[in-house]
């Protein structure tokens, strides 16, 4: 099997989905969810948010400012270029009953669209670091209208 181009139902974004990955119902409106069906390594979720800007405002510049502001407000966030888009990337850790869970986030903005992407790794998956790089590579193929 070969990789496939996935286009969101709303038509706002598309990306290259590896052949072993499949979409699943996230049970949340407007959230697209994916996982590796051959070797479950975690869940990738993409939620598009749409913003309206006043006439005369450069939407892409304004969205870049929003991404930069998001990165400045989060202690461990970094700003990266992901697929040509300004992106705030950070890790959010939570601790429950002595169990630490990490969620990896990418806030990607373009024109009037913000994509909130998250990856929740399978804690028992031995190569989490490599999988994060793999997921980030998937996200680098994003095309936002």
N, C-alpha and C. Protein backbone atom coordinates (compact mmCIF):
# COMPACT_ATOMS: atom_id res chain seq x y z
N UNK A 1 0.84 -1.19 0.00
CA UNK A 1 0.00 0.00 0.00
C UNK A 1 0.88 1.25 0.00
N UNK A 2 0.33 2.30 -0.56
CA UNK A 2 1.09 3.54 -0.58
C UNK A 2 0.39 4.61 0.26
N UNK A 3 1.14 5.64 0.58
CA UNK A 3 0.56 6.74 1.35
C UNK A 3 -0.59 7.35 0.55
N UNK A 4 -1.48 8.04 1.28
CA UNK A 4 -2.64 8.64 0.62
C UNK A 4 -2.77 10.10 1.07
N UNK A 5 -3.37 10.89 0.23
CA UNK A 5 -3.65 12.28 0.58
C UNK A 5 -4.99 12.30 1.30
N UNK A 6 -4.97 12.81 2.52
CA UNK A 6 -6.20 12.95 3.30
C UNK A 6 -6.63 14.41 3.20
N UNK A 7 -7.91 14.63 2.88
CA UNK A 7 -8.48 15.97 2.85
C UNK A 7 -9.60 16.02 3.88
N UNK A 8 -9.55 17.04 4.73
CA UNK A 8 -10.56 17.17 5.78
C UNK A 8 -11.95 17.34 5.17
N UNK A 9 -12.94 16.90 5.91
CA UNK A 9 -14.33 16.99 5.46
C UNK A 9 -14.70 18.44 5.15
N UNK A 10 -14.18 19.37 5.93
CA UNK A 10 -14.48 20.79 5.72
C UNK A 10 -13.67 21.37 4.57
N UNK A 11 -12.70 20.61 4.06
CA UNK A 11 -11.90 21.04 2.92
C UNK A 11 -10.83 22.07 3.25
N UNK A 12 -10.61 22.33 4.52
CA UNK A 12 -9.68 23.36 4.94
C UNK A 12 -8.22 22.93 4.88
N UNK A 13 -7.96 21.65 5.10
CA UNK A 13 -6.58 21.18 5.10
C UNK A 13 -6.49 19.79 4.49
N UNK A 14 -5.29 19.48 4.07
CA UNK A 14 -4.98 18.13 3.57
C UNK A 14 -3.54 17.82 3.98
N UNK A 15 -3.23 16.54 3.99
CA UNK A 15 -1.87 16.10 4.29
C UNK A 15 -1.69 14.67 3.82
N UNK A 16 -0.43 14.24 3.82
CA UNK A 16 -0.11 12.88 3.41
C UNK A 16 -0.23 11.97 4.63
N UNK A 17 -1.16 11.04 4.54
CA UNK A 17 -1.39 10.08 5.62
C UNK A 17 -0.68 8.77 5.24
N UNK A 18 0.23 8.31 6.09
CA UNK A 18 0.93 7.05 5.78
C UNK A 18 -0.07 5.90 5.60
N UNK A 19 0.28 4.96 4.78
CA UNK A 19 -0.64 3.87 4.42
C UNK A 19 -1.11 3.06 5.62
N UNK A 20 -0.27 2.95 6.66
CA UNK A 20 -0.66 2.15 7.82
C UNK A 20 -1.49 2.95 8.83
N UNK A 21 -1.73 4.21 8.56
CA UNK A 21 -2.52 5.05 9.47
C UNK A 21 -3.96 5.12 8.98
N UNK A 22 -4.89 5.20 9.94
CA UNK A 22 -6.31 5.28 9.62
C UNK A 22 -6.98 6.35 10.47
N UNK A 23 -8.09 6.85 9.96
CA UNK A 23 -8.89 7.81 10.72
C UNK A 23 -9.84 7.04 11.63
N UNK A 24 -10.14 7.61 12.78
CA UNK A 24 -11.16 7.05 13.67
C UNK A 24 -12.06 8.18 14.16
N UNK A 25 -13.23 7.82 14.65
CA UNK A 25 -14.19 8.80 15.14
C UNK A 25 -13.76 9.28 16.52
N UNK A 26 -13.45 10.55 16.62
CA UNK A 26 -12.97 11.11 17.90
C UNK A 26 -14.11 11.41 18.86
N UNK A 27 -15.34 11.31 18.39
CA UNK A 27 -16.53 11.62 19.20
C UNK A 27 -16.60 13.11 19.55
N UNK A 28 -15.79 13.93 18.88
CA UNK A 28 -15.83 15.38 19.08
C UNK A 28 -16.04 16.04 17.73
N UNK A 29 -17.00 16.94 17.68
CA UNK A 29 -17.26 17.66 16.44
C UNK A 29 -16.01 18.41 15.99
N UNK A 30 -15.77 18.41 14.72
CA UNK A 30 -14.69 19.17 14.10
C UNK A 30 -13.29 18.74 14.51
N UNK A 31 -13.13 17.56 15.08
CA UNK A 31 -11.80 17.04 15.39
C UNK A 31 -11.58 15.79 14.55
N UNK A 32 -10.44 15.76 13.88
CA UNK A 32 -10.06 14.64 13.03
C UNK A 32 -9.01 13.83 13.79
N UNK A 33 -9.17 12.53 13.84
CA UNK A 33 -8.31 11.70 14.67
C UNK A 33 -7.76 10.53 13.87
N UNK A 34 -6.48 10.18 14.13
CA UNK A 34 -5.77 9.17 13.35
C UNK A 34 -4.89 8.32 14.25
N UNK A 35 -4.60 7.11 13.80
CA UNK A 35 -3.69 6.23 14.53
C UNK A 35 -3.05 5.25 13.56
N UNK A 36 -1.94 4.69 13.99
CA UNK A 36 -1.25 3.67 13.22
C UNK A 36 -1.95 2.35 13.49
N UNK A 37 -2.65 1.82 12.51
CA UNK A 37 -3.44 0.61 12.70
C UNK A 37 -2.60 -0.66 12.75
N UNK A 38 -1.36 -0.60 12.30
CA UNK A 38 -0.49 -1.79 12.31
C UNK A 38 0.29 -1.92 13.62
N UNK A 39 0.70 -0.79 14.16
CA UNK A 39 1.52 -0.79 15.37
C UNK A 39 1.15 0.45 16.17
N UNK A 40 0.11 0.34 17.00
CA UNK A 40 -0.43 1.52 17.67
C UNK A 40 0.63 2.19 18.53
N UNK A 41 0.91 3.43 18.18
CA UNK A 41 1.95 4.20 18.88
C UNK A 41 1.35 5.41 19.59
N UNK A 42 0.08 5.68 19.34
CA UNK A 42 -0.59 6.82 19.95
C UNK A 42 -1.66 7.37 19.02
N UNK A 43 -2.25 8.48 19.44
CA UNK A 43 -3.34 9.09 18.69
C UNK A 43 -2.96 10.51 18.25
N UNK A 44 -3.17 10.78 16.98
CA UNK A 44 -2.96 12.10 16.41
C UNK A 44 -4.32 12.74 16.19
N UNK A 45 -4.48 13.98 16.68
CA UNK A 45 -5.76 14.68 16.54
C UNK A 45 -5.50 16.05 15.93
N UNK A 46 -6.37 16.46 15.04
CA UNK A 46 -6.27 17.77 14.40
C UNK A 46 -7.62 18.46 14.51
N UNK A 47 -7.62 19.64 15.11
CA UNK A 47 -8.84 20.42 15.27
C UNK A 47 -8.65 21.77 14.60
N UNK A 48 -9.42 22.07 13.54
CA UNK A 48 -9.30 23.39 12.91
C UNK A 48 -10.18 24.42 13.63
N UNK A 49 -9.61 25.61 13.81
CA UNK A 49 -10.36 26.75 14.33
C UNK A 49 -10.32 27.83 13.27
N UNK A 50 -11.44 28.50 13.07
CA UNK A 50 -11.53 29.52 12.04
C UNK A 50 -11.73 30.88 12.71
N UNK A 51 -10.97 31.86 12.26
CA UNK A 51 -11.02 33.19 12.85
C UNK A 51 -11.38 34.20 11.78
N UNK A 52 -12.09 35.22 12.20
CA UNK A 52 -12.44 36.30 11.29
C UNK A 52 -11.63 37.53 11.68
N UNK A 53 -11.10 38.20 10.67
CA UNK A 53 -10.34 39.42 10.89
C UNK A 53 -11.02 40.57 10.18
N UNK A 54 -10.84 41.75 10.71
CA UNK A 54 -11.43 42.94 10.09
C UNK A 54 -10.87 43.14 8.70
N UNK A 55 -11.67 43.80 7.85
CA UNK A 55 -11.22 44.13 6.51
C UNK A 55 -9.93 44.95 6.60
N UNK A 56 -9.04 44.71 5.68
CA UNK A 56 -7.78 45.44 5.65
C UNK A 56 -6.70 44.83 6.52
N UNK A 57 -7.03 43.82 7.31
CA UNK A 57 -6.04 43.14 8.14
C UNK A 57 -5.44 41.99 7.32
N UNK A 58 -4.13 41.88 7.34
CA UNK A 58 -3.45 40.77 6.69
C UNK A 58 -3.63 39.54 7.56
N UNK A 59 -4.53 38.65 7.16
CA UNK A 59 -4.90 37.49 7.98
C UNK A 59 -3.69 36.62 8.30
N UNK A 60 -2.80 36.42 7.32
CA UNK A 60 -1.67 35.54 7.58
C UNK A 60 -0.71 36.15 8.60
N UNK A 61 -0.47 37.45 8.50
CA UNK A 61 0.39 38.13 9.49
C UNK A 61 -0.24 38.09 10.87
N UNK A 62 -1.55 38.31 10.92
CA UNK A 62 -2.25 38.28 12.21
C UNK A 62 -2.21 36.88 12.82
N UNK A 63 -2.37 35.85 11.99
CA UNK A 63 -2.31 34.48 12.49
C UNK A 63 -0.91 34.14 12.98
N UNK A 64 0.10 34.62 12.28
CA UNK A 64 1.48 34.42 12.74
C UNK A 64 1.67 35.05 14.10
N UNK A 65 1.14 36.25 14.30
CA UNK A 65 1.24 36.92 15.60
C UNK A 65 0.53 36.12 16.69
N UNK A 66 -0.59 35.51 16.37
CA UNK A 66 -1.32 34.69 17.34
C UNK A 66 -0.49 33.47 17.73
N UNK A 67 0.14 32.83 16.75
CA UNK A 67 0.99 31.66 17.03
C UNK A 67 2.17 32.08 17.90
N UNK A 68 2.81 33.20 17.56
CA UNK A 68 3.96 33.68 18.35
C UNK A 68 3.53 34.03 19.77
N UNK A 69 2.37 34.64 19.92
CA UNK A 69 1.85 34.98 21.24
C UNK A 69 1.60 33.71 22.06
N UNK A 70 1.04 32.69 21.43
CA UNK A 70 0.80 31.41 22.09
C UNK A 70 2.12 30.83 22.59
N UNK A 71 3.14 30.87 21.74
CA UNK A 71 4.45 30.32 22.11
C UNK A 71 5.05 31.10 23.28
N UNK A 72 4.87 32.41 23.28
CA UNK A 72 5.43 33.24 24.36
C UNK A 72 4.76 33.00 25.70
N UNK A 73 3.53 32.54 25.69
CA UNK A 73 2.77 32.33 26.93
C UNK A 73 2.99 30.95 27.55
N UNK A 74 3.66 30.07 26.84
CA UNK A 74 3.89 28.71 27.33
C UNK A 74 5.38 28.53 27.57
N UNK A 75 5.72 28.16 28.79
CA UNK A 75 7.13 28.13 29.22
C UNK A 75 8.03 27.27 28.32
N UNK A 76 7.60 26.10 27.94
CA UNK A 76 8.49 25.21 27.19
C UNK A 76 8.21 25.20 25.69
N UNK A 77 7.47 26.19 25.20
CA UNK A 77 7.12 26.23 23.77
C UNK A 77 8.28 26.74 22.93
N UNK A 78 8.34 26.23 21.73
CA UNK A 78 9.30 26.74 20.75
C UNK A 78 8.55 27.07 19.47
N UNK A 79 9.08 27.99 18.72
CA UNK A 79 8.49 28.35 17.43
C UNK A 79 9.31 27.65 16.36
N UNK A 80 8.62 26.89 15.52
CA UNK A 80 9.30 26.16 14.45
C UNK A 80 8.58 26.45 13.13
N UNK A 81 9.27 26.17 12.04
CA UNK A 81 8.66 26.25 10.73
C UNK A 81 8.29 24.82 10.37
N UNK A 82 7.01 24.57 10.25
CA UNK A 82 6.54 23.21 9.95
C UNK A 82 5.78 23.25 8.63
N UNK A 83 6.38 22.70 7.61
CA UNK A 83 5.75 22.69 6.30
C UNK A 83 5.56 24.07 5.71
N UNK A 84 6.38 25.04 6.15
CA UNK A 84 6.25 26.40 5.65
C UNK A 84 5.35 27.28 6.49
N UNK A 85 4.79 26.73 7.56
CA UNK A 85 3.89 27.49 8.42
C UNK A 85 4.54 27.77 9.77
N UNK A 86 4.29 28.96 10.29
CA UNK A 86 4.74 29.32 11.63
C UNK A 86 3.97 28.44 12.62
N UNK A 87 4.71 27.76 13.50
CA UNK A 87 4.10 26.77 14.39
C UNK A 87 4.64 26.92 15.81
N UNK A 88 3.74 26.90 16.79
CA UNK A 88 4.14 26.83 18.19
C UNK A 88 4.09 25.36 18.59
N UNK A 89 5.20 24.85 19.11
CA UNK A 89 5.28 23.43 19.50
C UNK A 89 5.64 23.36 20.98
N UNK A 90 4.91 22.51 21.71
CA UNK A 90 5.21 22.35 23.13
C UNK A 90 4.70 21.00 23.62
N UNK A 91 5.17 20.65 24.81
CA UNK A 91 4.77 19.40 25.46
C UNK A 91 4.05 19.78 26.74
N UNK A 92 2.92 19.16 26.97
CA UNK A 92 2.16 19.38 28.21
C UNK A 92 2.15 18.06 28.98
N UNK A 93 2.69 18.09 30.19
CA UNK A 93 2.71 16.89 31.01
C UNK A 93 1.70 17.02 32.14
N UNK A 94 1.01 15.92 32.40
CA UNK A 94 0.09 15.86 33.53
C UNK A 94 0.48 14.66 34.39
N UNK A 95 0.26 14.80 35.69
CA UNK A 95 0.57 13.72 36.63
C UNK A 95 -0.71 13.35 37.36
N UNK A 96 -1.06 12.08 37.28
CA UNK A 96 -2.21 11.54 37.99
C UNK A 96 -1.79 10.25 38.67
N UNK A 97 -1.93 10.21 39.97
CA UNK A 97 -1.57 9.02 40.75
C UNK A 97 -0.18 8.51 40.40
N UNK A 98 0.80 9.40 40.42
CA UNK A 98 2.21 9.08 40.15
C UNK A 98 2.47 8.59 38.73
N UNK A 99 1.54 8.84 37.82
CA UNK A 99 1.70 8.45 36.43
C UNK A 99 1.76 9.72 35.58
N UNK A 100 2.88 9.94 34.91
CA UNK A 100 3.06 11.13 34.08
C UNK A 100 2.67 10.82 32.65
N UNK A 101 1.83 11.70 32.09
CA UNK A 101 1.40 11.57 30.71
C UNK A 101 1.84 12.82 29.94
N UNK A 102 2.40 12.63 28.78
CA UNK A 102 2.84 13.75 27.95
C UNK A 102 1.94 13.86 26.72
N UNK A 103 1.51 15.08 26.43
CA UNK A 103 0.80 15.39 25.20
C UNK A 103 1.66 16.35 24.41
N UNK A 104 1.85 16.08 23.15
CA UNK A 104 2.67 16.91 22.27
C UNK A 104 1.72 17.74 21.41
N UNK A 105 1.97 19.05 21.38
CA UNK A 105 1.09 19.98 20.66
C UNK A 105 1.84 20.74 19.58
N UNK A 106 1.11 21.03 18.50
CA UNK A 106 1.56 21.92 17.44
C UNK A 106 0.39 22.84 17.12
N UNK A 107 0.57 24.13 17.27
CA UNK A 107 -0.43 25.12 16.87
C UNK A 107 0.08 25.73 15.56
N UNK A 108 -0.64 25.45 14.48
CA UNK A 108 -0.20 25.84 13.15
C UNK A 108 -1.21 26.84 12.59
N UNK A 109 -0.73 28.03 12.21
CA UNK A 109 -1.63 29.05 11.72
C UNK A 109 -1.33 29.46 10.29
N UNK A 110 -2.41 29.68 9.53
CA UNK A 110 -2.28 30.18 8.16
C UNK A 110 -3.59 30.86 7.77
N UNK A 111 -3.45 32.08 7.26
CA UNK A 111 -4.61 32.90 6.90
C UNK A 111 -5.59 32.95 8.06
N UNK A 112 -6.82 32.50 7.88
CA UNK A 112 -7.79 32.58 8.98
C UNK A 112 -8.00 31.24 9.68
N UNK A 113 -7.07 30.31 9.50
CA UNK A 113 -7.22 28.97 10.08
C UNK A 113 -6.08 28.66 11.05
N UNK A 114 -6.46 28.17 12.21
CA UNK A 114 -5.50 27.66 13.19
C UNK A 114 -5.79 26.16 13.32
N UNK A 115 -4.76 25.35 13.12
CA UNK A 115 -4.89 23.91 13.34
C UNK A 115 -4.24 23.59 14.67
N UNK A 116 -5.01 23.02 15.58
CA UNK A 116 -4.47 22.56 16.85
C UNK A 116 -4.26 21.06 16.69
N UNK A 117 -3.00 20.67 16.65
CA UNK A 117 -2.64 19.27 16.44
C UNK A 117 -2.05 18.74 17.74
N UNK A 118 -2.44 17.54 18.10
CA UNK A 118 -1.88 16.94 19.31
C UNK A 118 -1.60 15.47 19.05
N UNK A 119 -0.60 14.98 19.76
CA UNK A 119 -0.27 13.56 19.69
C UNK A 119 -0.13 13.05 21.11
N UNK A 120 -0.92 12.04 21.41
CA UNK A 120 -0.89 11.40 22.72
C UNK A 120 -0.24 10.03 22.53
N UNK A 121 1.03 9.90 22.90
CA UNK A 121 1.72 8.63 22.63
C UNK A 121 1.27 7.50 23.55
N UNK A 122 1.36 6.31 23.02
CA UNK A 122 1.15 5.10 23.80
C UNK A 122 2.37 4.98 24.72
N UNK A 123 2.16 5.09 26.01
CA UNK A 123 3.27 5.07 26.96
C UNK A 123 4.07 3.77 26.92
N UNK A 124 3.47 2.71 26.44
CA UNK A 124 4.17 1.43 26.37
C UNK A 124 4.94 1.26 25.06
N UNK A 125 4.78 2.23 24.17
CA UNK A 125 5.52 2.19 22.91
C UNK A 125 6.96 2.58 23.19
N UNK A 126 7.90 1.74 22.82
CA UNK A 126 9.29 1.90 23.24
C UNK A 126 10.03 3.04 22.54
N UNK A 127 9.58 3.45 21.38
CA UNK A 127 10.32 4.45 20.61
C UNK A 127 9.51 5.75 20.47
N UNK A 128 9.10 6.31 21.60
CA UNK A 128 8.25 7.51 21.58
C UNK A 128 8.96 8.67 20.88
N UNK A 129 10.24 8.88 21.17
CA UNK A 129 10.97 9.97 20.54
C UNK A 129 10.98 9.88 19.03
N UNK A 130 11.20 8.69 18.51
CA UNK A 130 11.19 8.49 17.06
C UNK A 130 9.78 8.70 16.50
N UNK A 131 8.77 8.29 17.26
CA UNK A 131 7.39 8.44 16.78
C UNK A 131 6.99 9.92 16.74
N UNK A 132 7.46 10.72 17.69
CA UNK A 132 7.18 12.15 17.68
C UNK A 132 7.77 12.77 16.41
N UNK A 133 8.99 12.38 16.06
CA UNK A 133 9.61 12.87 14.82
C UNK A 133 8.80 12.44 13.61
N UNK A 134 8.29 11.22 13.64
CA UNK A 134 7.49 10.69 12.54
C UNK A 134 6.18 11.47 12.40
N UNK A 135 5.53 11.73 13.53
CA UNK A 135 4.28 12.50 13.52
C UNK A 135 4.54 13.93 13.03
N UNK A 136 5.64 14.51 13.48
CA UNK A 136 5.96 15.87 13.04
C UNK A 136 6.23 15.88 11.53
N UNK A 137 6.82 14.82 11.02
CA UNK A 137 7.03 14.70 9.58
C UNK A 137 5.68 14.60 8.85
N UNK A 138 4.73 13.87 9.41
CA UNK A 138 3.39 13.80 8.83
C UNK A 138 2.79 15.21 8.78
N UNK A 139 2.89 15.92 9.91
CA UNK A 139 2.31 17.27 9.99
C UNK A 139 3.01 18.25 9.04
N UNK A 140 4.27 18.00 8.72
CA UNK A 140 4.98 18.90 7.81
C UNK A 140 4.43 18.81 6.40
N UNK A 141 3.62 17.80 6.12
CA UNK A 141 3.02 17.68 4.79
C UNK A 141 1.68 18.42 4.69
N UNK A 142 1.26 19.07 5.79
CA UNK A 142 -0.02 19.78 5.80
C UNK A 142 -0.06 20.88 4.75
N UNK A 143 -1.20 20.99 4.11
CA UNK A 143 -1.52 22.10 3.19
C UNK A 143 -2.80 22.72 3.74
N UNK A 144 -2.72 24.00 4.08
CA UNK A 144 -3.88 24.71 4.66
C UNK A 144 -4.37 25.72 3.63
N UNK A 145 -5.69 25.70 3.38
CA UNK A 145 -6.26 26.65 2.41
C UNK A 145 -6.41 28.02 3.03
